[in-house]
Amino acid sequence: MYAKSRKRIAVETTLFIIAGTILQSIFVGLLLKPNEIGSGGIVGITLIINELFGTPIGFTQLVLNIPLFIVGIKYLGKRFILMTGLVVVLSSILIDTLPVLIPPTPLDDPLVASVFSGIVSGLGLALLLFAGASTGGLDILGKVIYTNNRNLSLPKIFLTQDIIVYILVFITFDIKAVMYALVLSFVRSRTLLTIHRFFSAQKQCFII
């Protein structure tokens, strides 16, 4: 019975990681760049580097994550870093491959694209979090900073990081890219919250 339960958890975790990675890759590779939408975190930095130097977005994301993994493994645990590393490697490959296999088509409405991108990203991120992984990036750096300085709150650290990236996005692109990035971020957070509440309600019903 216990063995079956562990097997089921392993299968669910694998499916969540695969589905979450695909959704995140669609979000970055097929939605952000074609619709000229900015983003916070490591994705925003990769978009900036891509715009300035023309480097592949997925490959750049992978390279930027390597030093973060090296620093993070000491503070966040090997399992979390391993799971997140798997997600980053797979998504980096898909981000650069998907646009070749499926030529992206701009939606011609950045606001609609921002909302849809937020939903796709939020759903993908939720699945990864359920699997005990993440998309890596500046989240790792934020958690490391928080671990070494408990006087700082984690939300404030994340907010500071995003503000810095948004300023760089504004300098590289324009104010519209930042505004649509904020819309995307809001929709993503609401999507995450909705999914979390849904699964919490499901667990409560099961317990009752």
N, C-alpha and C. Protein backbone atom coordinates (compact mmCIF):
# COMPACT_ATOMS: atom_id res chain seq x y z
N MET A 1 0.83 -1.21 0.00
CA MET A 1 0.00 0.00 0.00
C MET A 1 0.87 1.26 0.00
N TYR A 2 1.88 1.24 0.87
CA TYR A 2 2.79 2.39 0.98
C TYR A 2 3.58 2.56 -0.30
N ALA A 3 4.01 1.40 -0.88
CA ALA A 3 4.79 1.43 -2.13
C ALA A 3 3.95 2.02 -3.26
N LYS A 4 2.65 1.63 -3.31
CA LYS A 4 1.77 2.16 -4.35
C LYS A 4 1.60 3.66 -4.20
N SER A 5 1.49 4.11 -2.93
CA SER A 5 1.33 5.54 -2.67
C SER A 5 2.55 6.31 -3.14
N ARG A 6 3.73 5.79 -2.85
CA ARG A 6 4.96 6.46 -3.28
C ARG A 6 5.07 6.48 -4.79
N LYS A 7 4.66 5.39 -5.43
CA LYS A 7 4.71 5.31 -6.88
C LYS A 7 3.76 6.34 -7.50
N ARG A 8 2.57 6.45 -6.90
CA ARG A 8 1.58 7.41 -7.40
C ARG A 8 2.10 8.83 -7.27
N ILE A 9 2.72 9.14 -6.14
CA ILE A 9 3.28 10.48 -5.92
C ILE A 9 4.38 10.77 -6.94
N ALA A 10 5.21 9.77 -7.22
CA ALA A 10 6.31 9.95 -8.19
C ALA A 10 5.75 10.22 -9.59
N VAL A 11 4.68 9.50 -9.96
CA VAL A 11 4.06 9.70 -11.27
C VAL A 11 3.44 11.09 -11.37
N GLU A 12 2.72 11.49 -10.32
CA GLU A 12 2.09 12.82 -10.30
C GLU A 12 3.14 13.92 -10.37
N THR A 13 4.22 13.75 -9.63
CA THR A 13 5.30 14.74 -9.64
C THR A 13 5.90 14.88 -11.03
N THR A 14 6.14 13.75 -11.68
CA THR A 14 6.71 13.76 -13.03
C THR A 14 5.77 14.46 -14.01
N LEU A 15 4.48 14.13 -13.95
CA LEU A 15 3.50 14.74 -14.85
C LEU A 15 3.39 16.24 -14.61
N PHE A 16 3.41 16.64 -13.34
CA PHE A 16 3.34 18.07 -13.01
C PHE A 16 4.55 18.82 -13.58
N ILE A 17 5.74 18.22 -13.44
CA ILE A 17 6.95 18.86 -13.94
C ILE A 17 6.92 18.98 -15.45
N ILE A 18 6.50 17.92 -16.14
CA ILE A 18 6.43 17.96 -17.60
C ILE A 18 5.44 19.01 -18.07
N ALA A 19 4.22 18.98 -17.50
CA ALA A 19 3.18 19.92 -17.91
C ALA A 19 3.57 21.36 -17.57
N GLY A 20 4.11 21.56 -16.36
CA GLY A 20 4.50 22.90 -15.94
C GLY A 20 5.63 23.46 -16.79
N THR A 21 6.59 22.60 -17.14
CA THR A 21 7.73 23.03 -17.97
C THR A 21 7.25 23.41 -19.36
N ILE A 22 6.35 22.63 -19.94
CA ILE A 22 5.82 22.94 -21.27
C ILE A 22 5.08 24.27 -21.27
N LEU A 23 4.26 24.48 -20.26
CA LEU A 23 3.50 25.74 -20.18
C LEU A 23 4.43 26.94 -20.02
N GLN A 24 5.44 26.81 -19.17
CA GLN A 24 6.39 27.90 -18.99
C GLN A 24 7.18 28.18 -20.28
N SER A 25 7.47 27.14 -21.02
CA SER A 25 8.20 27.30 -22.28
C SER A 25 7.34 27.99 -23.33
N ILE A 26 6.06 27.64 -23.37
CA ILE A 26 5.11 28.31 -24.27
C ILE A 26 5.00 29.78 -23.90
N PHE A 27 4.92 30.03 -22.60
CA PHE A 27 4.81 31.39 -22.09
C PHE A 27 5.98 32.26 -22.54
N VAL A 28 7.19 31.76 -22.39
CA VAL A 28 8.38 32.55 -22.74
C VAL A 28 8.65 32.53 -24.24
N GLY A 29 8.60 31.34 -24.85
CA GLY A 29 9.01 31.21 -26.24
C GLY A 29 8.01 31.66 -27.28
N LEU A 30 6.71 31.51 -26.97
CA LEU A 30 5.69 31.79 -27.97
C LEU A 30 4.82 33.00 -27.67
N LEU A 31 4.89 33.51 -26.44
CA LEU A 31 3.99 34.61 -26.07
C LEU A 31 4.72 35.92 -25.77
N LEU A 32 5.75 35.87 -24.93
CA LEU A 32 6.42 37.11 -24.50
C LEU A 32 7.10 37.85 -25.64
N LYS A 33 8.07 37.19 -26.26
CA LYS A 33 8.87 37.85 -27.30
C LYS A 33 8.04 38.31 -28.49
N PRO A 34 7.18 37.46 -29.07
CA PRO A 34 6.41 37.89 -30.25
C PRO A 34 5.47 39.06 -29.98
N ASN A 35 4.98 39.16 -28.74
CA ASN A 35 4.03 40.22 -28.41
C ASN A 35 4.69 41.41 -27.72
N GLU A 36 6.03 41.37 -27.63
CA GLU A 36 6.81 42.48 -27.08
C GLU A 36 6.34 42.87 -25.67
N ILE A 37 6.19 41.84 -24.83
CA ILE A 37 5.80 42.04 -23.44
C ILE A 37 7.03 41.87 -22.56
N GLY A 38 7.22 42.75 -21.61
CA GLY A 38 8.33 42.63 -20.69
C GLY A 38 8.02 41.63 -19.58
N SER A 39 8.97 41.43 -18.71
CA SER A 39 8.79 40.51 -17.59
C SER A 39 9.78 40.86 -16.51
N GLY A 40 9.48 40.42 -15.30
CA GLY A 40 10.42 40.59 -14.21
C GLY A 40 11.31 39.37 -14.10
N GLY A 41 12.17 39.35 -13.10
CA GLY A 41 12.99 38.18 -12.84
C GLY A 41 14.00 37.87 -13.93
N ILE A 42 14.44 36.62 -13.94
CA ILE A 42 15.48 36.19 -14.87
C ILE A 42 14.99 36.23 -16.31
N VAL A 43 13.67 36.01 -16.50
CA VAL A 43 13.12 36.05 -17.86
C VAL A 43 13.25 37.45 -18.44
N GLY A 44 12.98 38.46 -17.62
CA GLY A 44 13.13 39.84 -18.09
C GLY A 44 14.56 40.14 -18.49
N ILE A 45 15.52 39.63 -17.72
CA ILE A 45 16.93 39.85 -18.04
C ILE A 45 17.32 39.15 -19.34
N THR A 46 16.80 37.93 -19.55
CA THR A 46 17.12 37.21 -20.79
C THR A 46 16.52 37.93 -22.00
N LEU A 47 15.33 38.52 -21.83
CA LEU A 47 14.73 39.28 -22.94
C LEU A 47 15.57 40.51 -23.27
N ILE A 48 16.10 41.14 -22.25
CA ILE A 48 16.96 42.32 -22.46
C ILE A 48 18.23 41.93 -23.21
N ILE A 49 18.88 40.85 -22.76
CA ILE A 49 20.10 40.39 -23.41
C ILE A 49 19.82 39.97 -24.85
N ASN A 50 18.68 39.31 -25.06
CA ASN A 50 18.29 38.92 -26.42
C ASN A 50 18.10 40.13 -27.32
N GLU A 51 17.49 41.17 -26.78
CA GLU A 51 17.25 42.39 -27.55
C GLU A 51 18.56 43.10 -27.89
N LEU A 52 19.49 43.11 -26.95
CA LEU A 52 20.75 43.84 -27.15
C LEU A 52 21.76 43.07 -27.99
N PHE A 53 21.82 41.75 -27.79
CA PHE A 53 22.88 40.97 -28.43
C PHE A 53 22.37 39.85 -29.34
N GLY A 54 21.07 39.61 -29.34
CA GLY A 54 20.51 38.59 -30.21
C GLY A 54 20.79 37.17 -29.77
N THR A 55 21.17 36.95 -28.52
CA THR A 55 21.44 35.60 -28.02
C THR A 55 20.14 34.83 -27.82
N PRO A 56 20.16 33.51 -28.01
CA PRO A 56 18.95 32.70 -27.80
C PRO A 56 18.43 32.85 -26.38
N ILE A 57 17.13 33.02 -26.25
CA ILE A 57 16.54 33.26 -24.93
C ILE A 57 16.73 32.06 -23.99
N GLY A 58 16.44 30.86 -24.49
CA GLY A 58 16.56 29.66 -23.66
C GLY A 58 17.99 29.42 -23.20
N PHE A 59 18.94 29.53 -24.11
CA PHE A 59 20.35 29.31 -23.78
C PHE A 59 20.83 30.35 -22.76
N THR A 60 20.42 31.60 -22.95
CA THR A 60 20.81 32.66 -22.02
C THR A 60 20.25 32.40 -20.63
N GLN A 61 18.99 31.95 -20.59
CA GLN A 61 18.37 31.62 -19.30
C GLN A 61 19.16 30.54 -18.57
N LEU A 62 19.58 29.53 -19.32
CA LEU A 62 20.35 28.43 -18.73
C LEU A 62 21.68 28.93 -18.16
N VAL A 63 22.39 29.73 -18.94
CA VAL A 63 23.70 30.25 -18.51
C VAL A 63 23.57 31.12 -17.26
N LEU A 64 22.55 31.97 -17.22
CA LEU A 64 22.35 32.86 -16.07
C LEU A 64 21.98 32.09 -14.81
N ASN A 65 21.35 30.94 -14.97
CA ASN A 65 20.92 30.15 -13.81
C ASN A 65 22.05 29.36 -13.18
N ILE A 66 23.10 29.05 -13.94
CA ILE A 66 24.18 28.20 -13.42
C ILE A 66 24.80 28.76 -12.13
N PRO A 67 25.24 30.04 -12.10
CA PRO A 67 25.83 30.54 -10.85
C PRO A 67 24.81 30.60 -9.71
N LEU A 68 23.52 30.80 -10.04
CA LEU A 68 22.49 30.84 -9.00
C LEU A 68 22.31 29.47 -8.38
N PHE A 69 22.39 28.42 -9.20
CA PHE A 69 22.30 27.05 -8.67
C PHE A 69 23.49 26.74 -7.76
N ILE A 70 24.66 27.17 -8.16
CA ILE A 70 25.87 26.90 -7.38
C ILE A 70 25.76 27.55 -5.99
N VAL A 71 25.24 28.77 -5.96
CA VAL A 71 25.06 29.47 -4.68
C VAL A 71 23.90 28.86 -3.90
N GLY A 72 22.81 28.53 -4.60
CA GLY A 72 21.60 28.09 -3.94
C GLY A 72 21.65 26.71 -3.33
N ILE A 73 22.48 25.82 -3.88
CA ILE A 73 22.50 24.44 -3.40
C ILE A 73 22.90 24.35 -1.93
N LYS A 74 23.69 25.31 -1.47
CA LYS A 74 24.14 25.32 -0.07
C LYS A 74 23.00 25.66 0.88
N TYR A 75 22.05 26.48 0.40
CA TYR A 75 21.02 27.00 1.29
C TYR A 75 19.64 26.38 1.08
N LEU A 76 19.35 25.89 -0.13
CA LEU A 76 17.99 25.47 -0.46
C LEU A 76 17.81 23.97 -0.56
N GLY A 77 18.86 23.21 -0.44
CA GLY A 77 18.74 21.76 -0.47
C GLY A 77 18.97 21.18 -1.85
N LYS A 78 19.56 19.99 -1.87
CA LYS A 78 19.91 19.37 -3.15
C LYS A 78 18.68 18.96 -3.95
N ARG A 79 17.63 18.47 -3.27
CA ARG A 79 16.45 17.99 -4.00
C ARG A 79 15.78 19.14 -4.74
N PHE A 80 15.58 20.26 -4.06
CA PHE A 80 14.93 21.42 -4.69
C PHE A 80 15.76 21.93 -5.86
N ILE A 81 17.06 22.03 -5.68
CA ILE A 81 17.93 22.51 -6.75
C ILE A 81 17.94 21.52 -7.92
N LEU A 82 17.94 20.22 -7.61
CA LEU A 82 17.94 19.20 -8.67
C LEU A 82 16.66 19.28 -9.50
N MET A 83 15.52 19.37 -8.81
CA MET A 83 14.22 19.45 -9.50
C MET A 83 14.14 20.73 -10.33
N THR A 84 14.55 21.83 -9.73
CA THR A 84 14.52 23.11 -10.43
C THR A 84 15.49 23.13 -11.61
N GLY A 85 16.67 22.52 -11.41
CA GLY A 85 17.65 22.43 -12.48
C GLY A 85 17.11 21.66 -13.67
N LEU A 86 16.39 20.58 -13.39
CA LEU A 86 15.77 19.79 -14.46
C LEU A 86 14.77 20.64 -15.24
N VAL A 87 13.97 21.41 -14.52
CA VAL A 87 12.99 22.29 -15.16
C VAL A 87 13.67 23.33 -16.03
N VAL A 88 14.73 23.94 -15.51
CA VAL A 88 15.43 25.00 -16.25
C VAL A 88 16.07 24.45 -17.52
N VAL A 89 16.70 23.29 -17.43
CA VAL A 89 17.36 22.69 -18.60
C VAL A 89 16.32 22.36 -19.68
N LEU A 90 15.24 21.69 -19.27
CA LEU A 90 14.21 21.30 -20.24
C LEU A 90 13.52 22.52 -20.85
N SER A 91 13.19 23.50 -20.00
CA SER A 91 12.51 24.69 -20.51
C SER A 91 13.42 25.51 -21.42
N SER A 92 14.72 25.54 -21.11
CA SER A 92 15.67 26.28 -21.95
C SER A 92 15.72 25.69 -23.36
N ILE A 93 15.70 24.36 -23.43
CA ILE A 93 15.70 23.69 -24.73
C ILE A 93 14.40 23.97 -25.48
N LEU A 94 13.27 23.87 -24.77
CA LEU A 94 11.96 24.07 -25.40
C LEU A 94 11.75 25.52 -25.83
N ILE A 95 12.23 26.46 -25.04
CA ILE A 95 12.06 27.88 -25.36
C ILE A 95 12.70 28.22 -26.70
N ASP A 96 13.85 27.62 -26.98
CA ASP A 96 14.55 27.88 -28.24
C ASP A 96 14.05 26.99 -29.38
N THR A 97 13.43 25.86 -29.02
CA THR A 97 12.97 24.91 -30.05
C THR A 97 11.54 25.18 -30.51
N LEU A 98 10.65 25.52 -29.60
CA LEU A 98 9.24 25.70 -29.93
C LEU A 98 9.00 26.74 -31.04
N PRO A 99 9.66 27.91 -30.99
CA PRO A 99 9.42 28.90 -32.06
C PRO A 99 9.83 28.40 -33.45
N VAL A 100 10.75 27.43 -33.48
CA VAL A 100 11.16 26.85 -34.76
C VAL A 100 10.10 25.87 -35.26
N LEU A 101 9.57 25.07 -34.33
CA LEU A 101 8.55 24.08 -34.68
C LEU A 101 7.19 24.71 -34.91
N ILE A 102 6.87 25.73 -34.08
CA ILE A 102 5.58 26.43 -34.17
C ILE A 102 5.86 27.92 -34.30
N PRO A 103 5.97 28.43 -35.50
CA PRO A 103 6.25 29.86 -35.68
C PRO A 103 5.24 30.72 -34.92
N PRO A 104 5.70 31.53 -33.96
CA PRO A 104 4.78 32.33 -33.15
C PRO A 104 4.09 33.42 -33.95
N THR A 105 2.83 33.65 -33.64
CA THR A 105 2.05 34.69 -34.31
C THR A 105 1.62 35.73 -33.28
N PRO A 106 2.04 36.99 -33.43
CA PRO A 106 1.61 38.04 -32.49
C PRO A 106 0.09 38.15 -32.45
N LEU A 107 -0.45 38.40 -31.28
CA LEU A 107 -1.90 38.50 -31.13
C LEU A 107 -2.44 39.86 -31.54
N ASP A 108 -1.55 40.82 -31.83
CA ASP A 108 -1.94 42.17 -32.25
C ASP A 108 -2.74 42.92 -31.19
N ASP A 109 -2.73 42.39 -29.98
CA ASP A 109 -3.38 43.06 -28.85
C ASP A 109 -2.55 42.74 -27.60
N PRO A 110 -1.59 43.58 -27.27
CA PRO A 110 -0.69 43.30 -26.15
C PRO A 110 -1.41 43.08 -24.82
N LEU A 111 -2.54 43.76 -24.62
CA LEU A 111 -3.26 43.60 -23.36
C LEU A 111 -3.83 42.19 -23.24
N VAL A 112 -4.47 41.71 -24.30
CA VAL A 112 -4.99 40.34 -24.31
C VAL A 112 -3.84 39.35 -24.17
N ALA A 113 -2.74 39.61 -24.87
CA ALA A 113 -1.57 38.74 -24.79
C ALA A 113 -1.01 38.70 -23.36
N SER A 114 -1.02 39.85 -22.68
CA SER A 114 -0.52 39.92 -21.30
C SER A 114 -1.39 39.08 -20.37
N VAL A 115 -2.71 39.20 -20.53
CA VAL A 115 -3.64 38.44 -19.68
C VAL A 115 -3.48 36.95 -19.93
N PHE A 116 -3.45 36.57 -21.20
CA PHE A 116 -3.32 35.15 -21.54
C PHE A 116 -1.97 34.61 -21.07
N SER A 117 -0.91 35.40 -21.22
CA SER A 117 0.42 34.99 -20.76
C SER A 117 0.43 34.79 -19.25
N GLY A 118 -0.24 35.67 -18.53
CA GLY A 118 -0.31 35.54 -17.08
C GLY A 118 -1.01 34.27 -16.65
N ILE A 119 -2.08 33.89 -17.37
CA ILE A 119 -2.81 32.65 -17.05
C ILE A 119 -1.94 31.43 -17.31
N VAL A 120 -1.30 31.40 -18.49
CA VAL A 120 -0.44 30.26 -18.85
C VAL A 120 0.73 30.13 -17.88
N SER A 121 1.38 31.26 -17.58
CA SER A 121 2.51 31.24 -16.67
C SER A 121 2.08 30.84 -15.26
N GLY A 122 0.96 31.36 -14.80
CA GLY A 122 0.46 31.04 -13.46
C GLY A 122 0.13 29.57 -13.31
N LEU A 123 -0.50 29.00 -14.34
CA LEU A 123 -0.85 27.58 -14.31
C LEU A 123 0.41 26.72 -14.32
N GLY A 124 1.36 27.08 -15.18
CA GLY A 124 2.61 26.32 -15.25
C GLY A 124 3.40 26.39 -13.96
N LEU A 125 3.47 27.59 -13.38
CA LEU A 125 4.21 27.77 -12.13
C LEU A 125 3.55 27.01 -10.99
N ALA A 126 2.21 26.99 -10.96
CA ALA A 126 1.49 26.26 -9.92
C ALA A 126 1.81 24.78 -9.97
N LEU A 127 1.82 24.21 -11.17
CA LEU A 127 2.13 22.79 -11.32
C LEU A 127 3.55 22.48 -10.85
N LEU A 128 4.48 23.36 -11.17
CA LEU A 128 5.87 23.16 -10.74
C LEU A 128 6.01 23.25 -9.23
N LEU A 129 5.30 24.19 -8.62
CA LEU A 129 5.35 24.34 -7.17
C LEU A 129 4.75 23.12 -6.47
N PHE A 130 3.68 22.58 -7.04
CA PHE A 130 3.08 21.36 -6.48
C PHE A 130 4.06 20.20 -6.55
N ALA A 131 4.93 20.22 -7.56
CA ALA A 131 5.91 19.14 -7.73
C ALA A 131 7.15 19.36 -6.89
N GLY A 132 7.23 20.48 -6.19
CA GLY A 132 8.39 20.77 -5.35
C GLY A 132 9.55 21.37 -6.11
N ALA A 133 9.25 22.03 -7.24
CA ALA A 133 10.29 22.66 -8.05
C ALA A 133 9.91 24.12 -8.28
N SER A 134 10.72 24.80 -9.08
CA SER A 134 10.41 26.18 -9.46
C SER A 134 11.06 26.46 -10.81
N THR A 135 10.93 27.68 -11.27
CA THR A 135 11.55 28.05 -12.55
C THR A 135 12.96 28.60 -12.36
N GLY A 136 13.46 28.56 -11.13
CA GLY A 136 14.81 29.03 -10.87
C GLY A 136 14.90 30.54 -10.92
N GLY A 137 16.03 31.05 -11.41
CA GLY A 137 16.18 32.49 -11.59
C GLY A 137 16.38 33.24 -10.30
N LEU A 138 15.86 34.46 -10.27
CA LEU A 138 16.09 35.36 -9.14
C LEU A 138 15.36 34.91 -7.88
N ASP A 139 14.40 33.97 -8.01
CA ASP A 139 13.76 33.42 -6.81
C ASP A 139 14.81 32.76 -5.92
N ILE A 140 15.75 32.06 -6.54
CA ILE A 140 16.82 31.40 -5.79
C ILE A 140 17.67 32.44 -5.07
N LEU A 141 18.04 33.48 -5.81
CA LEU A 141 18.87 34.54 -5.21
C LEU A 141 18.13 35.21 -4.06
N GLY A 142 16.84 35.46 -4.23
CA GLY A 142 16.05 36.09 -3.17
C GLY A 142 16.01 35.24 -1.91
N LYS A 143 15.84 33.92 -2.09
CA LYS A 143 15.78 33.02 -0.94
C LYS A 143 17.13 32.93 -0.24
N VAL A 144 18.21 32.99 -1.01
CA VAL A 144 19.55 32.96 -0.42
C VAL A 144 19.79 34.22 0.40
N ILE A 145 19.39 35.38 -0.15
CA ILE A 145 19.54 36.65 0.58
C ILE A 145 18.73 36.61 1.87
N TYR A 146 17.51 36.08 1.79
CA TYR A 146 16.64 36.00 2.97
C TYR A 146 17.24 35.06 4.02
N THR A 147 17.82 33.95 3.57
CA THR A 147 18.43 32.99 4.50
C THR A 147 19.58 33.61 5.28
N ASN A 148 20.31 34.51 4.63
CA ASN A 148 21.47 35.14 5.26
C ASN A 148 21.12 36.43 6.00
N ASN A 149 19.91 36.93 5.80
CA ASN A 149 19.50 38.16 6.48
C ASN A 149 18.01 38.12 6.77
N ARG A 150 17.65 37.59 7.93
CA ARG A 150 16.25 37.41 8.30
C ARG A 150 15.55 38.73 8.61
N ASN A 151 16.31 39.81 8.70
CA ASN A 151 15.69 41.11 8.95
C ASN A 151 14.92 41.61 7.73
N LEU A 152 15.27 41.08 6.57
CA LEU A 152 14.58 41.45 5.34
C LEU A 152 13.46 40.45 5.07
N SER A 153 12.30 40.94 4.64
CA SER A 153 11.20 40.04 4.32
C SER A 153 11.34 39.56 2.89
N LEU A 154 10.94 38.31 2.65
CA LEU A 154 11.07 37.71 1.32
C LEU A 154 10.27 38.48 0.25
N PRO A 155 9.02 38.88 0.53
CA PRO A 155 8.28 39.66 -0.47
C PRO A 155 8.99 40.95 -0.86
N LYS A 156 9.60 41.63 0.10
CA LYS A 156 10.31 42.88 -0.19
C LYS A 156 11.55 42.62 -1.05
N ILE A 157 12.22 41.51 -0.79
CA ILE A 157 13.39 41.16 -1.59
C ILE A 157 12.97 40.91 -3.04
N PHE A 158 11.91 40.11 -3.21
CA PHE A 158 11.41 39.83 -4.56
C PHE A 158 10.95 41.10 -5.26
N LEU A 159 10.28 41.97 -4.51
CA LEU A 159 9.78 43.22 -5.09
C LEU A 159 10.95 44.10 -5.55
N THR A 160 11.99 44.19 -4.72
CA THR A 160 13.16 44.99 -5.09
C THR A 160 13.82 44.46 -6.35
N GLN A 161 13.96 43.13 -6.42
CA GLN A 161 14.55 42.52 -7.61
C GLN A 161 13.73 42.85 -8.85
N ASP A 162 12.41 42.73 -8.74
CA ASP A 162 11.54 42.99 -9.90
C ASP A 162 11.60 44.45 -10.33
N ILE A 163 11.65 45.36 -9.36
CA ILE A 163 11.73 46.79 -9.68
C ILE A 163 13.00 47.08 -10.48
N ILE A 164 14.11 46.50 -10.06
CA ILE A 164 15.38 46.70 -10.77
C ILE A 164 15.27 46.19 -12.21
N VAL A 165 14.69 44.98 -12.37
CA VAL A 165 14.55 44.41 -13.71
C VAL A 165 13.59 45.24 -14.56
N TYR A 166 12.49 45.72 -13.96
CA TYR A 166 11.54 46.55 -14.71
C TYR A 166 12.18 47.85 -15.19
N ILE A 167 13.04 48.42 -14.38
CA ILE A 167 13.76 49.63 -14.79
C ILE A 167 14.64 49.33 -16.01
N LEU A 168 15.32 48.19 -15.97
CA LEU A 168 16.16 47.80 -17.10
C LEU A 168 15.32 47.51 -18.34
N VAL A 169 14.14 46.91 -18.14
CA VAL A 169 13.22 46.66 -19.27
C VAL A 169 12.77 47.98 -19.88
N PHE A 170 12.46 48.95 -19.03
CA PHE A 170 12.04 50.27 -19.50
C PHE A 170 13.15 50.94 -20.32
N ILE A 171 14.39 50.84 -19.84
CA ILE A 171 15.52 51.45 -20.55
C ILE A 171 15.74 50.77 -21.90
N THR A 172 15.61 49.43 -21.92
CA THR A 172 15.89 48.67 -23.14
C THR A 172 14.74 48.74 -24.14
N PHE A 173 13.52 48.64 -23.65
CA PHE A 173 12.34 48.63 -24.53
C PHE A 173 11.62 49.98 -24.42
N ASP A 174 10.49 50.01 -23.72
CA ASP A 174 9.76 51.25 -23.48
C ASP A 174 8.82 51.05 -22.30
N ILE A 175 8.07 52.07 -21.96
CA ILE A 175 7.19 52.01 -20.80
C ILE A 175 6.04 51.03 -21.01
N LYS A 176 5.63 50.84 -22.28
CA LYS A 176 4.53 49.91 -22.56
C LYS A 176 4.92 48.48 -22.18
N ALA A 177 6.15 48.11 -22.46
CA ALA A 177 6.61 46.76 -22.12
C ALA A 177 6.53 46.53 -20.62
N VAL A 178 6.83 47.57 -19.84
CA VAL A 178 6.75 47.46 -18.38
C VAL A 178 5.29 47.39 -17.92
N MET A 179 4.42 48.21 -18.51
CA MET A 179 3.01 48.24 -18.13
C MET A 179 2.35 46.89 -18.40
N TYR A 180 2.63 46.31 -19.56
CA TYR A 180 2.07 45.00 -19.88
C TYR A 180 2.67 43.91 -18.99
N ALA A 181 3.93 44.09 -18.60
CA ALA A 181 4.57 43.14 -17.69
C ALA A 181 3.88 43.16 -16.32
N LEU A 182 3.46 44.34 -15.88
CA LEU A 182 2.74 44.46 -14.60
C LEU A 182 1.38 43.80 -14.68
N VAL A 183 0.69 43.95 -15.82
CA VAL A 183 -0.59 43.28 -16.02
C VAL A 183 -0.40 41.77 -15.96
N LEU A 184 0.63 41.31 -16.67
CA LEU A 184 0.96 39.87 -16.67
C LEU A 184 1.22 39.37 -15.26
N SER A 185 2.01 40.11 -14.51
CA SER A 185 2.37 39.71 -13.15
C SER A 185 1.13 39.62 -12.25
N PHE A 186 0.22 40.57 -12.40
CA PHE A 186 -1.01 40.57 -11.59
C PHE A 186 -1.88 39.36 -11.92
N VAL A 187 -2.08 39.10 -13.22
CA VAL A 187 -2.90 37.97 -13.64
C VAL A 187 -2.27 36.66 -13.19
N ARG A 188 -0.95 36.56 -13.29
CA ARG A 188 -0.27 35.34 -12.85
C ARG A 188 -0.47 35.10 -11.36
N SER A 189 -0.35 36.15 -10.55
CA SER A 189 -0.52 36.00 -9.10
C SER A 189 -1.95 35.60 -8.76
N ARG A 190 -2.95 36.16 -9.47
CA ARG A 190 -4.34 35.79 -9.23
C ARG A 190 -4.61 34.35 -9.66
N THR A 191 -3.98 33.93 -10.74
CA THR A 191 -4.13 32.55 -11.20
C THR A 191 -3.56 31.59 -10.17
N LEU A 192 -2.38 31.91 -9.66
CA LEU A 192 -1.75 31.07 -8.63
C LEU A 192 -2.64 30.98 -7.39
N LEU A 193 -3.17 32.12 -6.97
CA LEU A 193 -4.02 32.17 -5.78
C LEU A 193 -5.29 31.35 -5.99
N THR A 194 -5.90 31.46 -7.16
CA THR A 194 -7.13 30.72 -7.46
C THR A 194 -6.88 29.21 -7.44
N ILE A 195 -5.78 28.78 -8.07
CA ILE A 195 -5.45 27.35 -8.10
C ILE A 195 -5.16 26.84 -6.69
N HIS A 196 -4.44 27.64 -5.90
CA HIS A 196 -4.12 27.25 -4.53
C HIS A 196 -5.40 27.08 -3.70
N ARG A 197 -6.33 28.03 -3.83
CA ARG A 197 -7.59 27.94 -3.10
C ARG A 197 -8.41 26.74 -3.53
N PHE A 198 -8.40 26.46 -4.84
CA PHE A 198 -9.16 25.32 -5.36
C PHE A 198 -8.65 24.01 -4.78
N PHE A 199 -7.33 23.81 -4.80
CA PHE A 199 -6.77 22.58 -4.27
C PHE A 199 -6.91 22.49 -2.76
N SER A 200 -6.87 23.63 -2.07
CA SER A 200 -7.07 23.63 -0.62
C SER A 200 -8.50 23.20 -0.30
N ALA A 201 -9.46 23.70 -1.08
CA ALA A 201 -10.86 23.34 -0.88
C ALA A 201 -11.08 21.86 -1.17
N GLN A 202 -10.41 21.34 -2.21
CA GLN A 202 -10.51 19.92 -2.55
C GLN A 202 -10.00 19.06 -1.39
N LYS A 203 -8.89 19.46 -0.79
CA LYS A 203 -8.32 18.69 0.33
C LYS A 203 -9.25 18.72 1.54
N GLN A 204 -9.87 19.87 1.81
CA GLN A 204 -10.78 20.00 2.94
C GLN A 204 -11.99 19.09 2.75
N CYS A 205 -12.54 19.05 1.52
CA CYS A 205 -13.69 18.20 1.23
C CYS A 205 -13.31 16.73 1.42
N PHE A 206 -12.10 16.36 1.00
CA PHE A 206 -11.64 14.98 1.12
C PHE A 206 -11.53 14.58 2.59
N ILE A 207 -10.98 15.50 3.40
CA ILE A 207 -10.81 15.23 4.82
C ILE A 207 -12.17 15.06 5.50
N ILE A 208 -13.12 15.95 5.17
CA ILE A 208 -14.46 15.89 5.76
C ILE A 208 -15.16 14.59 5.35
